[in-house]
Amino acid sequence: MARIEGILEQVDKRLNHLESEVRELRSEMRSEISSLRGEIGGLRGEVGGVRSELRSEISGVRGEISGVRSELGSEIKELRRDLNNRFFWLLGVQISMWVTIILAILIK
């Protein structure tokens, strides 16, 4: 009987030790969880900052694209005008050459 009582005391000590270890583990887990929550909150703030930064960059790129688009439109209009002028000059030169050739044939 005394032996069983000794064994029970030993089991009681070990159980108390296990309970204290579990308490320590719980407190460590709670502190780690709160630390992780804080880091996640910080990351959310950083992500929000990155989002606003990206939005401003995208709006800047859109503005640049709009500027380039208007420049290209004006360049295309200028090229069309230049092409029309050269076409009329070419047409005038060809007509004058034909007239000259026909007159040369008729006069001869």
Protein backbone atom coordinates (compact mmCIF):
# COMPACT_ATOMS: atom_id res chain seq x y z
CA MET A 1 0.00 0.00 0.00
CA ALA A 2 2.84 2.35 0.88
CA ARG A 3 4.40 1.64 -2.49
CA ILE A 4 1.19 2.59 -4.30
CA GLU A 5 0.96 5.78 -2.28
CA GLY A 6 4.56 6.62 -3.25
CA ILE A 7 3.78 5.98 -6.90
CA LEU A 8 0.66 8.15 -6.69
CA GLU A 9 2.69 10.99 -5.15
CA GLN A 10 5.21 10.68 -7.98
CA VAL A 11 2.38 10.75 -10.57
CA ASP A 12 0.89 13.80 -8.85
CA LYS A 13 4.24 15.64 -9.03
CA ARG A 14 4.64 14.75 -12.71
CA LEU A 15 1.08 15.88 -13.50
CA ASN A 16 1.70 19.19 -11.72
CA HIS A 17 4.88 19.60 -13.76
CA LEU A 18 2.97 18.86 -16.97
CA GLU A 19 0.26 21.37 -16.02
CA SER A 20 2.84 24.09 -15.46
CA GLU A 21 4.50 23.27 -18.81
CA VAL A 22 1.14 23.48 -20.58
CA ARG A 23 0.46 26.87 -18.93
CA GLU A 24 3.84 28.17 -20.08
CA LEU A 25 3.20 26.84 -23.57
CA ARG A 26 -0.21 28.55 -23.68
CA SER A 27 1.25 31.89 -22.58
CA GLU A 28 4.04 31.62 -25.17
CA MET A 29 1.49 30.76 -27.87
CA ARG A 30 -0.68 33.74 -26.89
CA SER A 31 2.29 36.10 -27.03
CA GLU A 32 3.36 34.69 -30.43
CA ILE A 33 -0.19 34.99 -31.76
CA SER A 34 -0.43 38.61 -30.63
CA SER A 35 2.99 39.28 -32.17
CA LEU A 36 1.85 37.71 -35.45
CA ARG A 37 -1.33 39.77 -35.41
CA GLY A 38 0.74 42.90 -34.97
CA GLU A 39 3.00 41.94 -37.87
CA ILE A 40 -0.01 41.15 -40.06
CA GLY A 41 -1.50 44.53 -39.20
CA GLY A 42 1.80 46.17 -40.14
CA LEU A 43 1.87 44.27 -43.41
CA ARG A 44 -1.67 45.38 -44.16
CA GLY A 45 -0.60 48.97 -43.64
CA GLU A 46 2.39 48.46 -45.92
CA VAL A 47 0.21 46.82 -48.57
CA GLY A 48 -2.17 49.78 -48.38
CA GLY A 49 0.78 52.12 -48.88
CA VAL A 50 2.01 50.07 -51.82
CA ARG A 51 -1.49 50.10 -53.32
CA SER A 52 -1.75 53.86 -53.15
CA GLU A 53 1.76 54.15 -54.56
CA LEU A 54 0.86 51.81 -57.42
CA ARG A 55 -2.32 53.75 -58.11
CA SER A 56 -0.38 56.99 -58.35
CA GLU A 57 2.18 55.34 -60.64
CA ILE A 58 -0.59 53.93 -62.83
CA SER A 59 -2.27 57.32 -63.08
CA GLY A 60 1.12 58.82 -64.00
CA VAL A 61 1.61 56.22 -66.72
CA ARG A 62 -1.91 56.88 -68.00
CA GLY A 63 -1.10 60.58 -68.21
CA GLU A 64 2.10 59.85 -70.12
CA ILE A 65 0.26 57.53 -72.50
CA SER A 66 -2.37 60.19 -73.07
CA GLY A 67 0.35 62.72 -73.87
CA VAL A 68 2.08 60.35 -76.28
CA ARG A 69 -1.25 59.56 -77.90
CA SER A 70 -2.01 63.23 -78.56
CA GLU A 71 1.54 63.76 -79.89
CA LEU A 72 1.13 60.80 -82.25
CA GLY A 73 -2.21 62.15 -83.44
CA SER A 74 -0.68 65.52 -84.28
CA GLU A 75 2.29 63.85 -86.01
CA ILE A 76 -0.06 61.69 -88.10
CA LYS A 77 -2.07 64.78 -89.13
CA GLU A 78 1.13 66.55 -90.13
CA LEU A 79 2.30 63.54 -92.15
CA ARG A 80 -1.05 63.35 -93.95
CA ARG A 81 -0.83 67.04 -94.81
CA ASP A 82 2.71 66.60 -96.10
CA LEU A 83 1.72 63.52 -98.12
CA ASN A 84 -1.19 65.41 -99.73
CA ASN A 85 1.12 68.30 -100.68
CA ARG A 86 3.68 65.96 -102.21
CA PHE A 87 0.96 64.08 -104.09
CA PHE A 88 -0.26 67.30 -105.71
CA TRP A 89 3.31 68.26 -106.62
CA LEU A 90 3.90 64.81 -108.14
CA LEU A 91 0.60 65.01 -110.04
CA GLY A 92 1.55 68.47 -111.38
CA VAL A 93 4.96 67.27 -112.53
CA GLN A 94 3.46 64.21 -114.29
CA ILE A 95 0.78 66.27 -116.04
CA SER A 96 3.38 68.78 -117.23
CA MET A 97 5.58 65.89 -118.49
CA TRP A 98 2.64 64.36 -120.41
CA VAL A 99 1.71 67.70 -121.89
CA THR A 100 5.32 68.24 -122.95
CA ILE A 101 5.55 64.79 -124.53
CA ILE A 102 2.22 65.18 -126.36
CA LEU A 103 3.22 68.62 -127.64
CA ALA A 104 6.57 67.25 -128.78
CA ILE A 105 4.78 64.46 -130.67
CA LEU A 106 2.18 66.84 -132.20
CA ILE A 107 4.69 69.50 -133.24
CA LYS A 108 7.12 67.09 -134.83
